[in-house]
Amino acid sequence: MDHKRYQAIEAIISGIYDQFVKFRSSQYTCPINNAVSFQCGSMLLGTLTKSVRSVNMLLPRPEVPFSGHNFEDLYNQLRGVDSPYWYDGPCTYTENYNYNYGYEHTEQLQHGCTLTESMNSVITAAEIHIKGLNLDEGDI
């Protein structure tokens, strides 16, 4: 059981560190809008860094026996990762200047990439290692 636990946690940690490499790369390409790849990668990298730091997995990188970490907690924390909202579309302004609010926005497009997508792929890859164990009974 410990071996499966170690494999599952290592898969999560490796997956997270792979995401660091991906978002940090100068070659990162946003899957939604190639024109904002730098901004997209920067937002996701910052969010990932803050999220991983909050669960004490940034530095030093956790190693076997992963003291203080268990799969269920990591699973739940990664499923609950928030992503910031940001806008990458054109921002247009009305011709009317509002004394209280300045120029009024008439349209902005919210960017669609989220850290949730990446974390779900990390979790899915790690779940292979826990087949046959029951999270509800604290096996991992």
Protein backbone atom coordinates (compact mmCIF):
# COMPACT_ATOMS: atom_id res chain seq x y z
CA MET A 1 0.00 0.00 0.00
CA ASP A 2 2.86 2.41 0.81
CA HIS A 3 4.36 1.77 -2.62
CA LYS A 4 1.11 2.76 -4.35
CA ARG A 5 0.85 5.81 -2.11
CA TYR A 6 4.38 6.89 -3.01
CA GLN A 7 3.72 6.36 -6.72
CA ALA A 8 0.50 8.36 -6.63
CA ILE A 9 2.00 11.29 -4.73
CA GLU A 10 5.13 11.25 -6.91
CA ALA A 11 2.91 11.34 -10.01
CA ILE A 12 1.16 14.45 -8.67
CA ILE A 13 4.40 16.19 -7.73
CA SER A 14 6.07 15.31 -11.04
CA GLY A 15 3.00 16.49 -12.92
CA ILE A 16 3.04 19.80 -11.07
CA TYR A 17 6.73 20.34 -11.75
CA ASP A 18 6.12 19.49 -15.43
CA GLN A 19 3.54 22.28 -15.46
CA PHE A 20 6.15 24.67 -14.04
CA VAL A 21 8.48 23.79 -16.91
CA LYS A 22 5.67 24.16 -19.46
CA PHE A 23 4.46 27.59 -18.30
CA ARG A 24 7.99 28.92 -17.68
CA SER A 25 9.17 28.02 -21.17
CA SER A 26 9.69 30.79 -23.69
CA GLN A 27 8.17 28.35 -26.18
CA TYR A 28 4.83 28.11 -24.33
CA THR A 29 1.92 28.63 -26.70
CA CYS A 30 -1.52 29.52 -25.42
CA PRO A 31 -4.02 26.98 -26.80
CA ILE A 32 -6.73 29.64 -27.11
CA ASN A 33 -4.93 32.71 -28.44
CA ASN A 34 -1.37 32.41 -29.71
CA ALA A 35 -1.01 36.20 -29.61
CA VAL A 36 -1.14 36.26 -25.79
CA SER A 37 1.06 33.23 -25.07
CA PHE A 38 3.47 35.19 -22.88
CA GLN A 39 0.66 36.70 -20.79
CA CYS A 40 -1.22 33.41 -20.54
CA GLY A 41 1.86 31.43 -19.47
CA SER A 42 2.78 34.15 -16.96
CA MET A 43 -0.68 34.16 -15.37
CA LEU A 44 -0.78 30.36 -15.13
CA LEU A 45 2.80 30.15 -13.80
CA GLY A 46 2.07 32.74 -11.11
CA THR A 47 -1.13 31.00 -10.09
CA LEU A 48 0.58 27.61 -10.00
CA THR A 49 3.46 29.00 -7.91
CA LYS A 50 1.15 30.53 -5.33
CA SER A 51 -1.08 27.44 -5.19
CA VAL A 52 1.79 24.99 -4.77
CA ARG A 53 3.47 27.19 -2.19
CA SER A 54 0.26 27.26 -0.13
CA VAL A 55 0.37 23.45 0.19
CA ASN A 56 4.11 23.47 1.00
CA MET A 57 5.23 21.69 -2.17
CA LEU A 58 7.38 24.33 -3.83
CA LEU A 59 10.83 24.26 -2.28
CA PRO A 60 12.31 21.94 -1.41
CA ARG A 61 10.61 19.46 -3.71
CA PRO A 62 8.95 16.79 -1.55
CA GLU A 63 10.55 13.34 -1.70
CA VAL A 64 9.73 9.82 -0.49
CA PRO A 65 8.29 9.15 2.08
CA PHE A 66 6.41 12.45 1.46
CA SER A 67 6.07 13.27 5.13
CA GLY A 68 3.15 15.59 5.74
CA HIS A 69 1.53 14.82 2.39
CA ASN A 70 -1.19 12.35 1.47
CA PHE A 71 -2.86 11.71 -1.84
CA GLU A 72 -6.38 12.63 -0.77
CA ASP A 73 -5.36 16.04 0.56
CA LEU A 74 -3.27 16.81 -2.52
CA TYR A 75 -6.13 15.62 -4.74
CA ASN A 76 -8.63 17.90 -2.98
CA GLN A 77 -6.28 20.89 -2.92
CA LEU A 78 -5.50 20.60 -6.62
CA ARG A 79 -9.16 20.17 -7.51
CA GLY A 80 -9.85 23.39 -5.63
CA VAL A 81 -7.17 25.53 -7.31
CA ASP A 82 -8.52 28.89 -8.38
CA SER A 83 -7.52 30.65 -11.55
CA PRO A 84 -7.48 34.40 -11.91
CA TYR A 85 -9.77 36.09 -14.36
CA TRP A 86 -8.08 38.22 -16.95
CA TYR A 87 -8.96 39.71 -20.28
CA ASP A 88 -7.06 39.45 -23.53
CA GLY A 89 -9.53 40.85 -26.02
CA PRO A 90 -9.80 44.31 -27.39
CA CYS A 91 -11.02 46.87 -24.95
CA THR A 92 -13.26 49.42 -26.58
CA TYR A 93 -14.46 52.60 -25.01
CA THR A 94 -17.58 54.59 -25.55
CA GLU A 95 -17.29 58.12 -26.86
CA ASN A 96 -19.02 59.34 -23.73
CA TYR A 97 -16.83 60.31 -20.86
CA ASN A 98 -18.51 59.71 -17.52
CA TYR A 99 -17.26 62.15 -14.89
CA ASN A 100 -17.54 59.54 -12.10
CA TYR A 101 -16.13 56.55 -13.97
CA GLY A 102 -13.99 57.88 -16.82
CA TYR A 103 -14.33 56.15 -20.17
CA GLU A 104 -16.79 53.30 -19.95
CA HIS A 105 -15.86 49.81 -21.15
CA THR A 106 -18.29 48.43 -23.65
CA GLU A 107 -16.64 45.09 -24.34
CA GLN A 108 -13.83 42.89 -23.06
CA LEU A 109 -13.26 39.21 -23.65
CA GLN A 110 -12.34 37.04 -20.66
CA HIS A 111 -9.44 34.70 -21.40
CA GLY A 112 -10.44 31.04 -21.27
CA CYS A 113 -7.30 29.25 -20.04
CA THR A 114 -7.40 28.12 -16.44
CA LEU A 115 -5.08 26.27 -14.12
CA THR A 116 -7.97 23.90 -13.38
CA GLU A 117 -7.51 22.22 -16.77
CA SER A 118 -3.83 21.54 -16.09
CA MET A 119 -4.44 20.28 -12.56
CA ASN A 120 -7.16 17.92 -13.78
CA SER A 121 -4.71 16.35 -16.23
CA VAL A 122 -2.13 15.94 -13.43
CA ILE A 123 -4.71 14.30 -11.16
CA THR A 124 -5.96 11.99 -13.91
CA ALA A 125 -2.41 10.78 -14.58
CA ALA A 126 -1.86 10.15 -10.85
CA GLU A 127 -5.12 8.23 -10.37
CA ILE A 128 -3.68 5.29 -12.30
CA HIS A 129 -1.51 4.51 -9.28
CA ILE A 130 -4.37 4.32 -6.78
CA LYS A 131 -6.58 1.78 -8.53
CA GLY A 132 -7.91 -0.66 -5.96
CA LEU A 133 -7.38 1.62 -2.97
CA ASN A 134 -10.24 3.38 -1.25
CA LEU A 135 -9.80 7.09 -0.53
CA ASP A 136 -12.79 7.12 1.79
CA GLU A 137 -11.21 4.56 4.08
CA GLY A 138 -7.89 6.42 4.28
CA ASP A 139 -5.89 3.83 2.34
CA ILE A 140 -3.73 6.59 0.87
